[in-house]
Structure formats: structure tokens, C-alpha cells
N, C-alpha and C. Protein backbone atom coordinates (compact mmCIF):
# COMPACT_ATOMS: atom_id res chain seq x y z
N MET A 1 91.52 50.46 11.28
CA MET A 1 90.08 50.27 11.18
C MET A 1 89.72 49.27 10.09
N LEU A 2 90.42 49.31 8.95
CA LEU A 2 90.14 48.44 7.82
C LEU A 2 91.46 48.15 7.13
N THR A 3 91.68 46.93 6.72
CA THR A 3 92.92 46.60 6.01
C THR A 3 92.57 45.89 4.71
N MET A 4 93.52 45.98 3.78
CA MET A 4 93.39 45.28 2.50
C MET A 4 94.57 44.35 2.36
N THR A 5 94.33 43.20 1.76
CA THR A 5 95.43 42.30 1.45
C THR A 5 96.17 42.86 0.23
N THR A 6 97.37 42.37 0.02
CA THR A 6 98.14 42.78 -1.15
C THR A 6 97.40 42.44 -2.43
N LYS A 7 96.79 41.27 -2.47
CA LYS A 7 96.05 40.84 -3.67
C LYS A 7 94.88 41.79 -3.96
N ALA A 8 94.15 42.20 -2.92
CA ALA A 8 93.03 43.12 -3.11
C ALA A 8 93.53 44.48 -3.60
N ALA A 9 94.60 44.97 -3.00
CA ALA A 9 95.15 46.27 -3.40
C ALA A 9 95.63 46.23 -4.85
N ASP A 10 96.27 45.14 -5.24
CA ASP A 10 96.72 45.01 -6.64
C ASP A 10 95.53 45.03 -7.59
N LYS A 11 94.43 44.37 -7.22
CA LYS A 11 93.25 44.33 -8.08
C LYS A 11 92.60 45.71 -8.17
N VAL A 12 92.58 46.46 -7.06
CA VAL A 12 92.05 47.83 -7.08
C VAL A 12 92.88 48.68 -8.04
N ARG A 13 94.20 48.56 -7.99
CA ARG A 13 95.07 49.32 -8.90
C ARG A 13 94.78 48.95 -10.36
N THR A 14 94.59 47.65 -10.62
CA THR A 14 94.28 47.20 -11.98
C THR A 14 92.97 47.80 -12.46
N PHE A 15 91.93 47.73 -11.62
CA PHE A 15 90.64 48.32 -11.99
C PHE A 15 90.77 49.82 -12.22
N ALA A 16 91.51 50.51 -11.37
CA ALA A 16 91.67 51.96 -11.49
C ALA A 16 92.34 52.33 -12.81
N GLU A 17 93.29 51.51 -13.25
CA GLU A 17 93.97 51.76 -14.52
C GLU A 17 93.05 51.50 -15.71
N GLN A 18 92.16 50.53 -15.59
CA GLN A 18 91.30 50.12 -16.70
C GLN A 18 90.02 50.95 -16.83
N MET A 19 89.64 51.63 -15.75
CA MET A 19 88.37 52.35 -15.75
C MET A 19 88.62 53.86 -15.81
N PRO A 20 88.32 54.50 -16.93
CA PRO A 20 88.56 55.94 -17.05
C PRO A 20 87.82 56.76 -15.99
N GLU A 21 86.64 56.30 -15.56
CA GLU A 21 85.87 57.04 -14.57
C GLU A 21 86.50 57.01 -13.18
N ALA A 22 87.51 56.16 -12.97
CA ALA A 22 88.19 56.06 -11.67
C ALA A 22 89.33 57.06 -11.54
N LYS A 23 89.69 57.72 -12.62
CA LYS A 23 90.84 58.62 -12.61
C LYS A 23 90.69 59.71 -11.55
N GLY A 24 91.69 59.80 -10.67
CA GLY A 24 91.70 60.82 -9.63
C GLY A 24 90.79 60.54 -8.45
N LYS A 25 90.20 59.35 -8.40
CA LYS A 25 89.27 59.02 -7.32
C LYS A 25 89.86 57.93 -6.44
N ASP A 26 89.31 57.81 -5.25
CA ASP A 26 89.72 56.78 -4.30
C ASP A 26 88.68 55.67 -4.27
N LEU A 27 89.06 54.55 -3.67
CA LEU A 27 88.12 53.44 -3.51
C LEU A 27 87.20 53.74 -2.33
N ARG A 28 85.91 53.60 -2.54
CA ARG A 28 84.94 53.72 -1.45
C ARG A 28 84.39 52.33 -1.16
N ILE A 29 84.41 51.96 0.12
CA ILE A 29 83.79 50.73 0.57
C ILE A 29 82.64 51.13 1.48
N PHE A 30 81.46 50.58 1.22
CA PHE A 30 80.29 51.00 1.99
C PHE A 30 79.39 49.81 2.28
N ILE A 31 78.50 50.03 3.24
CA ILE A 31 77.52 49.04 3.64
C ILE A 31 76.15 49.56 3.21
N GLN A 32 75.34 48.68 2.67
CA GLN A 32 73.98 49.05 2.31
C GLN A 32 73.04 47.90 2.66
N GLY A 33 71.79 48.21 2.83
CA GLY A 33 70.80 47.19 3.11
C GLY A 33 70.61 46.31 1.90
N GLY A 34 70.39 45.01 2.14
CA GLY A 34 70.13 44.10 1.04
C GLY A 34 70.84 42.78 1.22
N GLY A 35 70.77 41.97 0.22
CA GLY A 35 71.36 40.64 0.28
C GLY A 35 70.50 39.71 1.12
N CYS A 36 70.86 38.47 1.16
CA CYS A 36 70.05 37.48 1.87
C CYS A 36 70.26 37.51 3.38
N SER A 37 71.27 38.25 3.87
CA SER A 37 71.50 38.30 5.31
C SER A 37 71.21 39.66 5.93
N GLY A 38 70.80 40.64 5.15
CA GLY A 38 70.42 41.94 5.71
C GLY A 38 71.25 43.12 5.25
N PHE A 39 72.58 42.96 5.20
CA PHE A 39 73.48 44.02 4.73
C PHE A 39 74.38 43.44 3.66
N GLN A 40 74.84 44.31 2.78
CA GLN A 40 75.82 43.88 1.79
C GLN A 40 76.87 44.95 1.59
N TYR A 41 78.01 44.53 1.06
CA TYR A 41 79.14 45.42 0.83
C TYR A 41 79.06 46.03 -0.55
N GLY A 42 79.51 47.26 -0.65
CA GLY A 42 79.59 47.93 -1.95
C GLY A 42 80.98 48.49 -2.16
N PHE A 43 81.42 48.51 -3.40
CA PHE A 43 82.74 49.01 -3.77
C PHE A 43 82.57 49.91 -4.98
N THR A 44 83.15 51.10 -4.94
CA THR A 44 83.10 52.00 -6.08
C THR A 44 84.27 52.98 -5.98
N PHE A 45 84.58 53.62 -7.07
CA PHE A 45 85.55 54.71 -7.04
C PHE A 45 84.77 56.00 -6.87
N ASP A 46 85.25 56.88 -5.97
CA ASP A 46 84.46 58.05 -5.61
C ASP A 46 85.38 59.18 -5.13
N ASP A 47 84.79 60.36 -5.02
CA ASP A 47 85.47 61.52 -4.46
C ASP A 47 85.23 61.57 -2.96
N HIS A 48 86.15 62.18 -2.24
CA HIS A 48 86.02 62.35 -0.80
C HIS A 48 84.81 63.22 -0.49
N GLN A 49 84.00 62.81 0.49
CA GLN A 49 82.82 63.56 0.94
C GLN A 49 83.05 64.00 2.39
N ASP A 50 82.41 65.09 2.79
CA ASP A 50 82.49 65.53 4.18
C ASP A 50 82.06 64.39 5.10
N GLY A 51 82.81 64.17 6.15
CA GLY A 51 82.49 63.13 7.12
C GLY A 51 83.11 61.78 6.82
N ASP A 52 83.71 61.61 5.64
CA ASP A 52 84.34 60.34 5.30
C ASP A 52 85.58 60.10 6.16
N MET A 53 85.79 58.85 6.53
CA MET A 53 87.06 58.43 7.10
C MET A 53 87.93 58.03 5.93
N VAL A 54 89.21 58.34 6.00
CA VAL A 54 90.16 57.95 4.96
C VAL A 54 91.16 56.98 5.59
N VAL A 55 91.22 55.80 5.03
CA VAL A 55 92.12 54.76 5.52
C VAL A 55 93.10 54.43 4.42
N GLU A 56 94.39 54.34 4.75
CA GLU A 56 95.38 53.90 3.77
C GLU A 56 95.81 52.50 4.12
N SER A 57 95.75 51.62 3.14
CA SER A 57 96.17 50.23 3.34
C SER A 57 96.78 49.72 2.05
N GLU A 58 97.98 49.19 2.16
CA GLU A 58 98.68 48.64 0.99
C GLU A 58 98.81 49.68 -0.13
N GLY A 59 98.92 50.96 0.25
CA GLY A 59 99.08 52.02 -0.74
C GLY A 59 97.79 52.48 -1.39
N ILE A 60 96.66 51.98 -0.93
CA ILE A 60 95.34 52.35 -1.47
C ILE A 60 94.63 53.23 -0.46
N ARG A 61 94.12 54.36 -0.94
CA ARG A 61 93.28 55.22 -0.09
C ARG A 61 91.85 54.72 -0.18
N VAL A 62 91.27 54.41 0.98
CA VAL A 62 89.91 53.88 1.05
C VAL A 62 89.03 54.88 1.79
N LEU A 63 87.91 55.24 1.19
CA LEU A 63 86.94 56.13 1.80
C LEU A 63 85.83 55.30 2.44
N VAL A 64 85.46 55.68 3.67
CA VAL A 64 84.38 54.97 4.37
C VAL A 64 83.50 56.03 5.03
N ASP A 65 82.20 56.01 4.74
CA ASP A 65 81.28 56.95 5.38
C ASP A 65 81.08 56.56 6.83
N GLN A 66 80.57 57.49 7.62
CA GLN A 66 80.44 57.27 9.07
C GLN A 66 79.54 56.09 9.42
N MET A 67 78.43 55.92 8.72
CA MET A 67 77.53 54.81 9.01
C MET A 67 78.22 53.47 8.72
N SER A 68 78.89 53.38 7.60
CA SER A 68 79.56 52.13 7.22
C SER A 68 80.73 51.81 8.14
N ALA A 69 81.40 52.85 8.66
CA ALA A 69 82.58 52.66 9.49
C ALA A 69 82.29 51.79 10.71
N GLN A 70 81.12 51.95 11.30
CA GLN A 70 80.80 51.16 12.50
C GLN A 70 80.70 49.67 12.19
N TYR A 71 80.38 49.31 10.96
CA TYR A 71 80.26 47.91 10.58
C TYR A 71 81.54 47.35 9.97
N LEU A 72 82.46 48.22 9.57
CA LEU A 72 83.69 47.77 8.92
C LEU A 72 84.91 47.79 9.82
N SER A 73 84.75 48.22 11.05
CA SER A 73 85.88 48.30 11.98
C SER A 73 86.52 46.94 12.16
N GLY A 74 87.81 46.85 11.87
CA GLY A 74 88.55 45.60 12.02
C GLY A 74 88.45 44.65 10.85
N ALA A 75 87.75 45.05 9.79
CA ALA A 75 87.54 44.16 8.63
C ALA A 75 88.79 44.09 7.75
N THR A 76 88.91 42.99 7.04
CA THR A 76 89.98 42.80 6.06
C THR A 76 89.35 42.51 4.71
N VAL A 77 89.82 43.23 3.69
CA VAL A 77 89.30 43.05 2.33
C VAL A 77 90.32 42.26 1.52
N ASP A 78 89.86 41.20 0.89
CA ASP A 78 90.71 40.36 0.06
C ASP A 78 90.07 40.23 -1.31
N PHE A 79 90.84 39.76 -2.28
CA PHE A 79 90.30 39.45 -3.61
C PHE A 79 90.51 37.97 -3.83
N VAL A 80 89.43 37.26 -4.11
CA VAL A 80 89.47 35.80 -4.22
C VAL A 80 89.00 35.37 -5.61
N GLU A 81 89.72 34.39 -6.16
CA GLU A 81 89.33 33.77 -7.42
C GLU A 81 89.20 32.28 -7.14
N ASP A 82 87.99 31.75 -7.33
CA ASP A 82 87.77 30.32 -7.13
C ASP A 82 86.70 29.83 -8.11
N LEU A 83 86.19 28.64 -7.87
CA LEU A 83 85.21 28.06 -8.79
C LEU A 83 83.91 28.85 -8.88
N ARG A 84 83.60 29.63 -7.83
CA ARG A 84 82.38 30.44 -7.84
C ARG A 84 82.56 31.74 -8.62
N GLY A 85 83.79 32.06 -8.97
CA GLY A 85 84.07 33.30 -9.68
C GLY A 85 85.16 34.09 -8.98
N ALA A 86 85.21 35.37 -9.28
CA ALA A 86 86.23 36.23 -8.70
C ALA A 86 85.56 37.48 -8.13
N GLY A 87 86.11 37.97 -7.03
CA GLY A 87 85.56 39.19 -6.46
C GLY A 87 86.17 39.51 -5.11
N PHE A 88 85.82 40.67 -4.62
CA PHE A 88 86.29 41.11 -3.31
C PHE A 88 85.49 40.39 -2.23
N VAL A 89 86.18 39.98 -1.19
CA VAL A 89 85.58 39.31 -0.05
C VAL A 89 86.01 40.06 1.20
N VAL A 90 85.05 40.29 2.09
CA VAL A 90 85.33 41.02 3.33
C VAL A 90 85.26 40.05 4.50
N GLU A 91 86.36 39.93 5.22
CA GLU A 91 86.37 39.17 6.47
C GLU A 91 86.05 40.18 7.56
N ASN A 92 84.85 40.08 8.10
CA ASN A 92 84.34 41.11 9.00
C ASN A 92 84.07 40.54 10.40
N PRO A 93 84.84 40.99 11.40
CA PRO A 93 84.62 40.47 12.75
C PRO A 93 83.30 40.94 13.37
N ASN A 94 82.64 41.92 12.76
CA ASN A 94 81.37 42.43 13.27
C ASN A 94 80.16 41.63 12.80
N ALA A 95 80.36 40.79 11.80
CA ALA A 95 79.26 40.00 11.25
C ALA A 95 79.00 38.78 12.13
N VAL A 96 77.75 38.58 12.52
CA VAL A 96 77.40 37.41 13.32
C VAL A 96 77.05 36.22 12.43
N ARG A 97 76.67 36.50 11.20
CA ARG A 97 76.46 35.44 10.21
C ARG A 97 76.52 36.07 8.82
N SER A 98 76.82 35.24 7.85
CA SER A 98 76.86 35.72 6.47
C SER A 98 76.27 34.66 5.57
N CYS A 99 75.96 35.06 4.35
CA CYS A 99 75.38 34.10 3.40
C CYS A 99 76.48 33.25 2.79
N GLY A 100 76.10 32.24 2.07
CA GLY A 100 77.05 31.33 1.47
C GLY A 100 77.96 31.98 0.45
N CYS A 101 77.48 33.03 -0.23
CA CYS A 101 78.30 33.68 -1.24
C CYS A 101 79.30 34.65 -0.61
N GLY A 102 79.09 35.01 0.67
CA GLY A 102 80.01 35.91 1.35
C GLY A 102 79.81 37.38 1.02
N HIS A 103 78.75 37.72 0.31
CA HIS A 103 78.53 39.10 -0.10
C HIS A 103 77.56 39.84 0.79
N SER A 104 76.87 39.14 1.67
CA SER A 104 75.98 39.81 2.59
C SER A 104 76.20 39.26 4.00
N PHE A 105 75.77 40.04 5.00
CA PHE A 105 76.02 39.66 6.37
C PHE A 105 74.96 40.25 7.28
N ALA A 106 74.95 39.79 8.53
CA ALA A 106 74.03 40.32 9.54
C ALA A 106 74.85 40.68 10.78
N VAL A 107 74.37 41.67 11.51
CA VAL A 107 74.97 42.07 12.79
C VAL A 107 73.88 42.03 13.85
N GLU A 108 74.30 42.02 15.09
CA GLU A 108 73.30 42.02 16.17
C GLU A 108 72.92 43.44 16.52
């Protein structure tokens, strides 16, 4: 349903080690309204909630709520460092268009 690149998984592990509040929690990837294209991606460390899908990729447990799952099916999460900065980027086959920064998207 969702995959992570090795680079993204390594960065998640680094963040988990550096952030005391992440101890014992999994990565949650979610969709929320906002951004210049309508929806945007969110990333946080969280506890498992009823109804969550749990996906394992590159040794990382990823939590996805039911609403977000429909928009993240088939997506790949990468970590990119370039002239614009560094951050997680989602290659999402469900997005019909996205903004220039790659942080928000639209679906039909």
C-alpha cells in the first residue's frame, strides 16, 4: 500500500533517536486539508489507534488512518535534500496535480 525508500527510512530512524517524544512510537503518515493544491501530507510519531493500517517498509512501522489510506495507496515516501532544503517527499500515483514544493496535492 505504501513504501519508503532506504533514505527515508534511515532519516526516520535518525529522527526517532533524536526525539525523546518518539520513544516507543511508530511513524504516522496522514493526509489533511490545506496547502496550495487542496491536501497536504503530515508526518509525526504516534501510538497505534483503532482502525489504523500498519505498514512495514524498510524496517519502519508506518501507521495510516482509514481516510488517509485511500489517498496514499501505492505511494512512495523518499527523503530529499536539494537547494530548496531537505524533507520528506511523497510520490503519489493518486495525485492529479501537486504544487511546486511537492508538499500538497489534489485528487479528482
